[in-house]
Amino acid sequence: MSWSWEYLPSEEYVTGGAPAEFLAAVHGKADELVRAAEALYLDGTAYEGAGEPMQYVDVAGGFFAYYVVPRLELVVLCQVTSPMT
């Protein structure tokens, strides 16, 4: 497997109406989170812990909520909040 990130339940549902500049900042930060998770969980598929709680990250124009699923080697973005959403 290879680490990645995705919106849950879907990009349209999570980002509906958010400005493109804000979403670009979210995507950039999500890429950073993937690299950090990959370094922290060298073999995520073998992880046996309970996992991390949901966390929030500030980005220019708002913030987003995410959680890490080590066994799936996945960072899940489940909410984005900006002035336009």
N, C-alpha and C. Protein backbone atom coordinates (compact mmCIF):
# COMPACT_ATOMS: atom_id res chain seq x y z
N MET A 1 0.84 -1.18 0.00
CA MET A 1 0.00 0.00 0.00
C MET A 1 0.88 1.24 0.00
N SER A 2 0.28 2.31 -0.32
CA SER A 2 0.97 3.59 -0.32
C SER A 2 0.05 4.62 0.34
N TRP A 3 0.62 5.45 1.18
CA TRP A 3 -0.18 6.44 1.90
C TRP A 3 -0.83 7.44 0.94
N SER A 4 -2.04 7.85 1.28
CA SER A 4 -2.77 8.84 0.49
C SER A 4 -3.77 9.54 1.41
N TRP A 5 -4.51 10.49 0.84
CA TRP A 5 -5.58 11.14 1.57
C TRP A 5 -6.80 11.18 0.68
N GLU A 6 -7.97 11.29 1.31
CA GLU A 6 -9.22 11.42 0.55
C GLU A 6 -10.29 12.06 1.41
N TYR A 7 -11.31 12.55 0.74
CA TYR A 7 -12.47 13.12 1.43
C TYR A 7 -13.45 11.99 1.75
N LEU A 8 -14.13 12.13 2.88
CA LEU A 8 -15.14 11.15 3.24
C LEU A 8 -16.36 11.90 3.75
N PRO A 9 -17.55 11.76 3.22
CA PRO A 9 -17.93 10.70 2.29
C PRO A 9 -17.57 10.98 0.83
N SER A 10 -17.46 12.23 0.42
CA SER A 10 -17.05 12.55 -0.95
C SER A 10 -16.51 13.98 -0.99
N GLU A 11 -15.75 14.29 -2.01
CA GLU A 11 -15.21 15.64 -2.13
C GLU A 11 -16.33 16.67 -2.25
N GLU A 12 -17.33 16.37 -3.06
CA GLU A 12 -18.43 17.31 -3.25
C GLU A 12 -19.16 17.60 -1.94
N TYR A 13 -19.41 16.56 -1.16
CA TYR A 13 -20.13 16.72 0.11
C TYR A 13 -19.31 17.53 1.11
N VAL A 14 -18.02 17.22 1.21
CA VAL A 14 -17.17 17.86 2.23
C VAL A 14 -16.80 19.29 1.86
N THR A 15 -16.57 19.55 0.57
CA THR A 15 -16.04 20.86 0.17
C THR A 15 -17.08 21.77 -0.45
N GLY A 16 -18.28 21.34 -0.64
CA GLY A 16 -19.30 22.08 -1.36
C GLY A 16 -19.27 23.58 -1.14
N GLY A 17 -18.94 24.34 -2.18
CA GLY A 17 -18.96 25.79 -2.13
C GLY A 17 -17.71 26.47 -1.62
N ALA A 18 -16.71 25.70 -1.21
CA ALA A 18 -15.48 26.31 -0.69
C ALA A 18 -14.68 26.93 -1.84
N PRO A 19 -14.05 28.08 -1.61
CA PRO A 19 -13.27 28.74 -2.66
C PRO A 19 -12.06 27.90 -3.09
N ALA A 20 -11.71 28.03 -4.36
CA ALA A 20 -10.61 27.24 -4.93
C ALA A 20 -9.29 27.51 -4.22
N GLU A 21 -9.02 28.77 -3.85
CA GLU A 21 -7.76 29.09 -3.17
C GLU A 21 -7.68 28.38 -1.82
N PHE A 22 -8.78 28.36 -1.12
CA PHE A 22 -8.83 27.68 0.17
C PHE A 22 -8.59 26.19 -0.01
N LEU A 23 -9.25 25.59 -1.00
CA LEU A 23 -9.08 24.15 -1.24
C LEU A 23 -7.65 23.81 -1.64
N ALA A 24 -6.98 24.70 -2.36
CA ALA A 24 -5.58 24.48 -2.71
C ALA A 24 -4.73 24.42 -1.43
N ALA A 25 -5.02 25.29 -0.48
CA ALA A 25 -4.30 25.27 0.80
C ALA A 25 -4.60 23.99 1.57
N VAL A 26 -5.85 23.54 1.54
CA VAL A 26 -6.23 22.28 2.20
C VAL A 26 -5.48 21.12 1.58
N HIS A 27 -5.44 21.06 0.25
CA HIS A 27 -4.76 19.96 -0.44
C HIS A 27 -3.27 19.95 -0.12
N GLY A 28 -2.65 21.11 -0.07
CA GLY A 28 -1.23 21.20 0.27
C GLY A 28 -0.96 20.69 1.68
N LYS A 29 -1.81 21.08 2.63
CA LYS A 29 -1.64 20.63 4.01
C LYS A 29 -1.94 19.13 4.12
N ALA A 30 -2.91 18.64 3.38
CA ALA A 30 -3.21 17.21 3.40
C ALA A 30 -2.02 16.40 2.89
N ASP A 31 -1.36 16.90 1.86
CA ASP A 31 -0.15 16.24 1.36
C ASP A 31 0.92 16.18 2.44
N GLU A 32 1.08 17.26 3.20
CA GLU A 32 2.05 17.28 4.31
C GLU A 32 1.67 16.25 5.38
N LEU A 33 0.38 16.15 5.68
CA LEU A 33 -0.07 15.18 6.68
C LEU A 33 0.20 13.75 6.24
N VAL A 34 0.05 13.49 4.95
CA VAL A 34 0.34 12.15 4.42
C VAL A 34 1.82 11.83 4.62
N ARG A 35 2.69 12.78 4.29
CA ARG A 35 4.13 12.54 4.47
C ARG A 35 4.47 12.32 5.94
N ALA A 36 3.85 13.07 6.83
CA ALA A 36 4.10 12.91 8.26
C ALA A 36 3.61 11.55 8.76
N ALA A 37 2.43 11.14 8.34
CA ALA A 37 1.88 9.85 8.76
C ALA A 37 2.74 8.70 8.22
N GLU A 38 3.21 8.85 7.01
CA GLU A 38 4.06 7.82 6.41
C GLU A 38 5.36 7.66 7.20
N ALA A 39 5.91 8.77 7.69
CA ALA A 39 7.14 8.72 8.49
C ALA A 39 6.86 8.16 9.89
N LEU A 40 5.70 8.46 10.45
CA LEU A 40 5.37 8.01 11.79
C LEU A 40 5.02 6.52 11.82
N TYR A 41 4.23 6.08 10.85
CA TYR A 41 3.80 4.69 10.77
C TYR A 41 4.52 4.04 9.59
N LEU A 42 5.73 3.56 9.81
CA LEU A 42 6.55 3.03 8.72
C LEU A 42 5.85 1.90 7.98
N ASP A 43 5.13 1.05 8.69
CA ASP A 43 4.30 0.02 8.06
C ASP A 43 2.92 0.11 8.66
N GLY A 44 2.13 1.00 8.12
CA GLY A 44 0.80 1.24 8.65
C GLY A 44 -0.09 0.01 8.65
N THR A 45 0.10 -0.86 7.67
CA THR A 45 -0.75 -2.06 7.57
C THR A 45 -0.56 -3.00 8.76
N ALA A 46 0.56 -2.90 9.45
CA ALA A 46 0.83 -3.74 10.61
C ALA A 46 0.43 -3.06 11.92
N TYR A 47 -0.08 -1.85 11.86
CA TYR A 47 -0.44 -1.10 13.06
C TYR A 47 -1.57 -1.79 13.80
N GLU A 48 -1.45 -1.88 15.13
CA GLU A 48 -2.46 -2.57 15.94
C GLU A 48 -3.09 -1.69 17.01
N GLY A 49 -2.74 -0.42 17.05
CA GLY A 49 -3.28 0.47 18.07
C GLY A 49 -4.69 0.94 17.76
N ALA A 50 -5.18 1.80 18.63
CA ALA A 50 -6.55 2.31 18.50
C ALA A 50 -6.66 3.42 17.45
N GLY A 51 -5.57 3.99 17.03
CA GLY A 51 -5.63 5.08 16.07
C GLY A 51 -5.72 6.43 16.75
N GLU A 52 -5.60 7.48 15.97
CA GLU A 52 -5.59 8.83 16.50
C GLU A 52 -7.00 9.42 16.50
N PRO A 53 -7.27 10.33 17.42
CA PRO A 53 -8.57 11.01 17.39
C PRO A 53 -8.60 12.04 16.26
N MET A 54 -9.78 12.52 15.95
CA MET A 54 -9.92 13.55 14.94
C MET A 54 -9.14 14.79 15.37
N GLN A 55 -8.51 15.43 14.39
CA GLN A 55 -7.73 16.63 14.67
C GLN A 55 -8.16 17.73 13.69
N TYR A 56 -7.78 18.95 14.02
CA TYR A 56 -8.13 20.11 13.21
C TYR A 56 -6.87 20.86 12.82
N VAL A 57 -6.86 21.38 11.59
CA VAL A 57 -5.71 22.13 11.09
C VAL A 57 -6.20 23.45 10.54
N ASP A 58 -5.56 24.53 10.97
CA ASP A 58 -5.84 25.85 10.41
C ASP A 58 -5.09 26.02 9.10
N VAL A 59 -5.78 26.54 8.11
CA VAL A 59 -5.16 26.92 6.84
C VAL A 59 -5.67 28.31 6.48
N ALA A 60 -5.00 28.96 5.56
CA ALA A 60 -5.42 30.31 5.15
C ALA A 60 -6.88 30.29 4.72
N GLY A 61 -7.71 31.02 5.41
CA GLY A 61 -9.12 31.12 5.04
C GLY A 61 -10.04 30.17 5.77
N GLY A 62 -9.54 29.38 6.72
CA GLY A 62 -10.42 28.47 7.45
C GLY A 62 -9.67 27.35 8.12
N PHE A 63 -10.32 26.19 8.23
CA PHE A 63 -9.69 25.02 8.83
C PHE A 63 -10.34 23.77 8.28
N PHE A 64 -9.73 22.62 8.59
CA PHE A 64 -10.35 21.36 8.22
C PHE A 64 -10.12 20.32 9.31
N ALA A 65 -10.99 19.31 9.33
CA ALA A 65 -10.91 18.22 10.29
C ALA A 65 -10.45 16.97 9.54
N TYR A 66 -9.59 16.19 10.21
CA TYR A 66 -9.09 14.97 9.60
C TYR A 66 -8.78 13.94 10.68
N TYR A 67 -8.64 12.71 10.25
CA TYR A 67 -8.12 11.66 11.13
C TYR A 67 -7.29 10.71 10.28
N VAL A 68 -6.41 9.98 10.97
CA VAL A 68 -5.48 9.07 10.30
C VAL A 68 -5.92 7.64 10.57
N VAL A 69 -5.96 6.83 9.51
CA VAL A 69 -6.28 5.41 9.63
C VAL A 69 -5.02 4.63 9.23
N PRO A 70 -4.16 4.33 10.20
CA PRO A 70 -2.88 3.71 9.86
C PRO A 70 -3.00 2.40 9.09
N ARG A 71 -3.93 1.53 9.47
CA ARG A 71 -4.05 0.23 8.81
C ARG A 71 -4.40 0.35 7.33
N LEU A 72 -5.08 1.42 6.97
CA LEU A 72 -5.41 1.65 5.56
C LEU A 72 -4.41 2.59 4.90
N GLU A 73 -3.44 3.08 5.68
CA GLU A 73 -2.47 4.07 5.21
C GLU A 73 -3.19 5.22 4.52
N LEU A 74 -4.09 5.82 5.29
CA LEU A 74 -4.99 6.83 4.75
C LEU A 74 -5.20 7.98 5.73
N VAL A 75 -5.18 9.19 5.21
CA VAL A 75 -5.57 10.38 5.96
C VAL A 75 -6.94 10.79 5.42
N VAL A 76 -7.93 10.86 6.29
CA VAL A 76 -9.31 11.13 5.88
C VAL A 76 -9.67 12.57 6.25
N LEU A 77 -10.07 13.36 5.25
CA LEU A 77 -10.57 14.71 5.47
C LEU A 77 -12.08 14.63 5.50
N CYS A 78 -12.68 15.03 6.64
CA CYS A 78 -14.11 14.82 6.78
C CYS A 78 -14.90 16.12 6.93
N GLN A 79 -14.21 17.25 7.07
CA GLN A 79 -14.92 18.53 7.16
C GLN A 79 -13.96 19.65 6.78
N VAL A 80 -14.43 20.56 5.95
CA VAL A 80 -13.68 21.79 5.68
C VAL A 80 -14.58 22.96 6.02
N THR A 81 -14.01 23.98 6.63
CA THR A 81 -14.79 25.14 7.03
C THR A 81 -14.05 26.40 6.61
N SER A 82 -14.73 27.17 5.78
CA SER A 82 -14.22 28.46 5.34
C SER A 82 -15.38 29.44 5.37
N PRO A 83 -15.11 30.73 5.26
CA PRO A 83 -16.22 31.70 5.30
C PRO A 83 -17.28 31.46 4.24
N MET A 84 -16.92 30.81 3.15
CA MET A 84 -17.87 30.61 2.05
C MET A 84 -18.67 29.33 2.16
N THR A 85 -18.33 28.42 3.13
CA THR A 85 -19.06 27.15 3.21
C THR A 85 -20.10 27.18 4.29
